[in-house]
């Protein structure tokens, strides 16, 4: 009876183990879409859209726990928030620095998500 219970526990745990991967993939897709929206709004100098994106990124950052795995995905999200805050403050050196860090963490996130498929 114990092997059957162990097998049942394994099958019940599989969807829970796959959930962080699916969440990371969804976050990565959102990061790509948000980056395109930020570039478009920045070129148009649409501060309202940039503020909305900053708030949405901050909400996603608060919802993504540090212990959830995929640290580069969380770091990319944090750098996106910092980038938008620097843009709002007109801190161009900080904006460039955070943009560079965002791209580095985004590449790490892409690698981590692709490596786990």
C-alpha atoms as a PDB file:
ATOM      1  CA  UNK A   1       0.000   0.000   0.000  1.00  0.00           C
ATOM      2  CA  UNK A   2       2.853   2.409   0.716  1.00  0.00           C
ATOM      3  CA  UNK A   3       4.251   2.310  -2.860  1.00  0.00           C
ATOM      4  CA  UNK A   4       0.806   3.209  -4.198  1.00  0.00           C
ATOM      5  CA  UNK A   5       0.569   6.148  -1.808  1.00  0.00           C
ATOM      6  CA  UNK A   6       4.041   7.322  -2.813  1.00  0.00           C
ATOM      7  CA  UNK A   7       3.124   7.099  -6.492  1.00  0.00           C
ATOM      8  CA  UNK A   8      -0.085   9.026  -5.869  1.00  0.00           C
ATOM      9  CA  UNK A   9       1.836  11.715  -3.984  1.00  0.00           C
ATOM     10  CA  UNK A  10       4.280  11.993  -6.895  1.00  0.00           C
ATOM     11  CA  UNK A  11       1.485  12.500  -9.424  1.00  0.00           C
ATOM     12  CA  UNK A  12      -0.178  15.092  -7.208  1.00  0.00           C
ATOM     13  CA  UNK A  13       3.101  16.994  -6.810  1.00  0.00           C
ATOM     14  CA  UNK A  14       3.883  17.209 -10.544  1.00  0.00           C
ATOM     15  CA  UNK A  15       1.495  20.083 -11.382  1.00  0.00           C
ATOM     16  CA  UNK A  16       2.752  22.044  -8.373  1.00  0.00           C
ATOM     17  CA  UNK A  17       6.342  21.564  -9.518  1.00  0.00           C
ATOM     18  CA  UNK A  18       5.464  22.746 -13.030  1.00  0.00           C
ATOM     19  CA  UNK A  19       3.689  25.890 -11.796  1.00  0.00           C
ATOM     20  CA  UNK A  20       6.831  27.995 -11.170  1.00  0.00           C
ATOM     21  CA  UNK A  21       8.006  27.216 -14.709  1.00  0.00           C
ATOM     22  CA  UNK A  22       4.684  28.319 -16.172  1.00  0.00           C
ATOM     23  CA  UNK A  23       4.675  31.446 -13.989  1.00  0.00           C
ATOM     24  CA  UNK A  24       8.215  32.303 -15.091  1.00  0.00           C
ATOM     25  CA  UNK A  25       7.272  31.816 -18.746  1.00  0.00           C
ATOM     26  CA  UNK A  26       4.243  34.077 -18.313  1.00  0.00           C
ATOM     27  CA  UNK A  27       6.388  36.708 -16.560  1.00  0.00           C
ATOM     28  CA  UNK A  28       9.000  36.514 -19.327  1.00  0.00           C
ATOM     29  CA  UNK A  29       6.311  37.042 -21.977  1.00  0.00           C
ATOM     30  CA  UNK A  30       4.987  40.026 -20.020  1.00  0.00           C
ATOM     31  CA  UNK A  31       8.513  41.481 -19.680  1.00  0.00           C
ATOM     32  CA  UNK A  32       8.970  41.339 -23.458  1.00  0.00           C
ATOM     33  CA  UNK A  33       5.582  42.941 -24.104  1.00  0.00           C
ATOM     34  CA  UNK A  34       6.159  45.615 -21.447  1.00  0.00           C
ATOM     35  CA  UNK A  35       9.593  46.424 -22.882  1.00  0.00           C
ATOM     36  CA  UNK A  36       7.981  47.037 -26.284  1.00  0.00           C
ATOM     37  CA  UNK A  37       5.285  49.202 -24.667  1.00  0.00           C
ATOM     38  CA  UNK A  38       7.925  51.175 -22.734  1.00  0.00           C
ATOM     39  CA  UNK A  39       9.927  51.816 -25.903  1.00  0.00           C
ATOM     40  CA  UNK A  40       6.797  52.930 -27.755  1.00  0.00           C
ATOM     41  CA  UNK A  41       5.625  55.195 -24.912  1.00  0.00           C
ATOM     42  CA  UNK A  42       9.122  56.615 -24.441  1.00  0.00           C
ATOM     43  CA  UNK A  43       9.401  57.590 -28.098  1.00  0.00           C
ATOM     44  CA  UNK A  44       5.964  59.214 -27.913  1.00  0.00           C
ATOM     45  CA  UNK A  45       6.864  60.852 -24.563  1.00  0.00           C
ATOM     46  CA  UNK A  46       3.644  59.416 -23.121  1.00  0.00           C
ATOM     47  CA  UNK A  47       4.212  59.859 -19.378  1.00  0.00           C
ATOM     48  CA  UNK A  48       0.763  58.525 -18.502  1.00  0.00           C
ATOM     49  CA  UNK A  49       1.465  55.188 -20.210  1.00  0.00           C
ATOM     50  CA  UNK A  50       4.913  55.014 -18.611  1.00  0.00           C
ATOM     51  CA  UNK A  51       3.380  55.633 -15.184  1.00  0.00           C
ATOM     52  CA  UNK A  52       0.807  52.910 -15.771  1.00  0.00           C
ATOM     53  CA  UNK A  53       3.551  50.486 -16.814  1.00  0.00           C
ATOM     54  CA  UNK A  54       5.606  51.426 -13.745  1.00  0.00           C
ATOM     55  CA  UNK A  55       2.660  50.715 -11.437  1.00  0.00           C
ATOM     56  CA  UNK A  56       1.904  47.410 -13.144  1.00  0.00           C
ATOM     57  CA  UNK A  57       5.560  46.350 -12.965  1.00  0.00           C
ATOM     58  CA  UNK A  58       5.684  47.263  -9.262  1.00  0.00           C
ATOM     59  CA  UNK A  59       2.539  45.203  -8.611  1.00  0.00           C
ATOM     60  CA  UNK A  60       4.040  42.209 -10.405  1.00  0.00           C
ATOM     61  CA  UNK A  61       7.279  42.645  -8.464  1.00  0.00           C
ATOM     62  CA  UNK A  62       5.404  42.642  -5.156  1.00  0.00           C
ATOM     63  CA  UNK A  63       3.450  39.552  -6.226  1.00  0.00           C
ATOM     64  CA  UNK A  64       6.570  37.592  -7.271  1.00  0.00           C
ATOM     65  CA  UNK A  65       8.182  36.181  -4.097  1.00  0.00           C
ATOM     66  CA  UNK A  66      11.959  36.110  -3.827  1.00  0.00           C
ATOM     67  CA  UNK A  67      11.854  32.410  -2.988  1.00  0.00           C
ATOM     68  CA  UNK A  68       9.852  31.484  -6.103  1.00  0.00           C
ATOM     69  CA  UNK A  69      12.909  30.554  -8.137  1.00  0.00           C
ATOM     70  CA  UNK A  70      14.090  32.135 -11.366  1.00  0.00           C
ATOM     71  CA  UNK A  71      15.980  34.979  -9.648  1.00  0.00           C
ATOM     72  CA  UNK A  72      16.980  36.609 -12.946  1.00  0.00           C
ATOM     73  CA  UNK A  73      13.313  37.029 -13.871  1.00  0.00           C
ATOM     74  CA  UNK A  74      12.609  38.785 -10.581  1.00  0.00           C
ATOM     75  CA  UNK A  75      15.774  40.886 -10.940  1.00  0.00           C
ATOM     76  CA  UNK A  76      14.744  41.924 -14.470  1.00  0.00           C
ATOM     77  CA  UNK A  77      11.379  43.004 -13.110  1.00  0.00           C
ATOM     78  CA  UNK A  78      13.055  44.993 -10.311  1.00  0.00           C
ATOM     79  CA  UNK A  79      15.390  46.666 -12.815  1.00  0.00           C
ATOM     80  CA  UNK A  80      12.402  47.576 -14.991  1.00  0.00           C
ATOM     81  CA  UNK A  81      10.780  49.321 -12.018  1.00  0.00           C
ATOM     82  CA  UNK A  82      14.058  51.098 -11.207  1.00  0.00           C
ATOM     83  CA  UNK A  83      14.464  52.091 -14.871  1.00  0.00           C
ATOM     84  CA  UNK A  84      10.995  53.642 -14.965  1.00  0.00           C
ATOM     85  CA  UNK A  85      11.574  55.416 -11.649  1.00  0.00           C
ATOM     86  CA  UNK A  86      14.865  56.834 -12.969  1.00  0.00           C
ATOM     87  CA  UNK A  87      13.132  57.937 -16.176  1.00  0.00           C
ATOM     88  CA  UNK A  88      10.457  59.694 -14.156  1.00  0.00           C
ATOM     89  CA  UNK A  89      13.119  61.468 -12.043  1.00  0.00           C
ATOM     90  CA  UNK A  90      15.043  62.395 -15.228  1.00  0.00           C
ATOM     91  CA  UNK A  91      18.091  60.561 -13.866  1.00  0.00           C
ATOM     92  CA  UNK A  92      19.558  59.678 -17.241  1.00  0.00           C
ATOM     93  CA  UNK A  93      22.690  57.991 -15.892  1.00  0.00           C
ATOM     94  CA  UNK A  94      20.552  55.831 -13.598  1.00  0.00           C
ATOM     95  CA  UNK A  95      18.183  55.103 -16.450  1.00  0.00           C
ATOM     96  CA  UNK A  96      21.031  53.898 -18.664  1.00  0.00           C
ATOM     97  CA  UNK A  97      22.544  51.833 -15.850  1.00  0.00           C
ATOM     98  CA  UNK A  98      19.200  50.200 -15.008  1.00  0.00           C
ATOM     99  CA  UNK A  99      18.498  49.596 -18.691  1.00  0.00           C
ATOM    100  CA  UNK A 100      21.801  47.766 -19.051  1.00  0.00           C
ATOM    101  CA  UNK A 101      21.097  45.685 -15.936  1.00  0.00           C
ATOM    102  CA  UNK A 102      17.575  44.944 -17.148  1.00  0.00           C
ATOM    103  CA  UNK A 103      18.869  43.598 -20.459  1.00  0.00           C
ATOM    104  CA  UNK A 104      21.449  41.450 -18.653  1.00  0.00           C
ATOM    105  CA  UNK A 105      18.876  39.988 -16.246  1.00  0.00           C
ATOM    106  CA  UNK A 106      16.344  39.520 -19.042  1.00  0.00           C
ATOM    107  CA  UNK A 107      18.886  37.441 -20.975  1.00  0.00           C
ATOM    108  CA  UNK A 108      19.500  35.371 -17.834  1.00  0.00           C
ATOM    109  CA  UNK A 109      15.755  34.901 -17.395  1.00  0.00           C
ATOM    110  CA  UNK A 110      15.370  33.796 -21.011  1.00  0.00           C
ATOM    111  CA  UNK A 111      18.210  31.319 -20.551  1.00  0.00           C
ATOM    112  CA  UNK A 112      16.761  29.952 -17.295  1.00  0.00           C
ATOM    113  CA  UNK A 113      13.255  29.558 -18.682  1.00  0.00           C
ATOM    114  CA  UNK A 114      14.469  28.014 -21.952  1.00  0.00           C
ATOM    115  CA  UNK A 115      16.843  25.688 -20.109  1.00  0.00           C
ATOM    116  CA  UNK A 116      14.054  24.248 -17.985  1.00  0.00           C
ATOM    117  CA  UNK A 117      11.730  23.412 -20.843  1.00  0.00           C
END
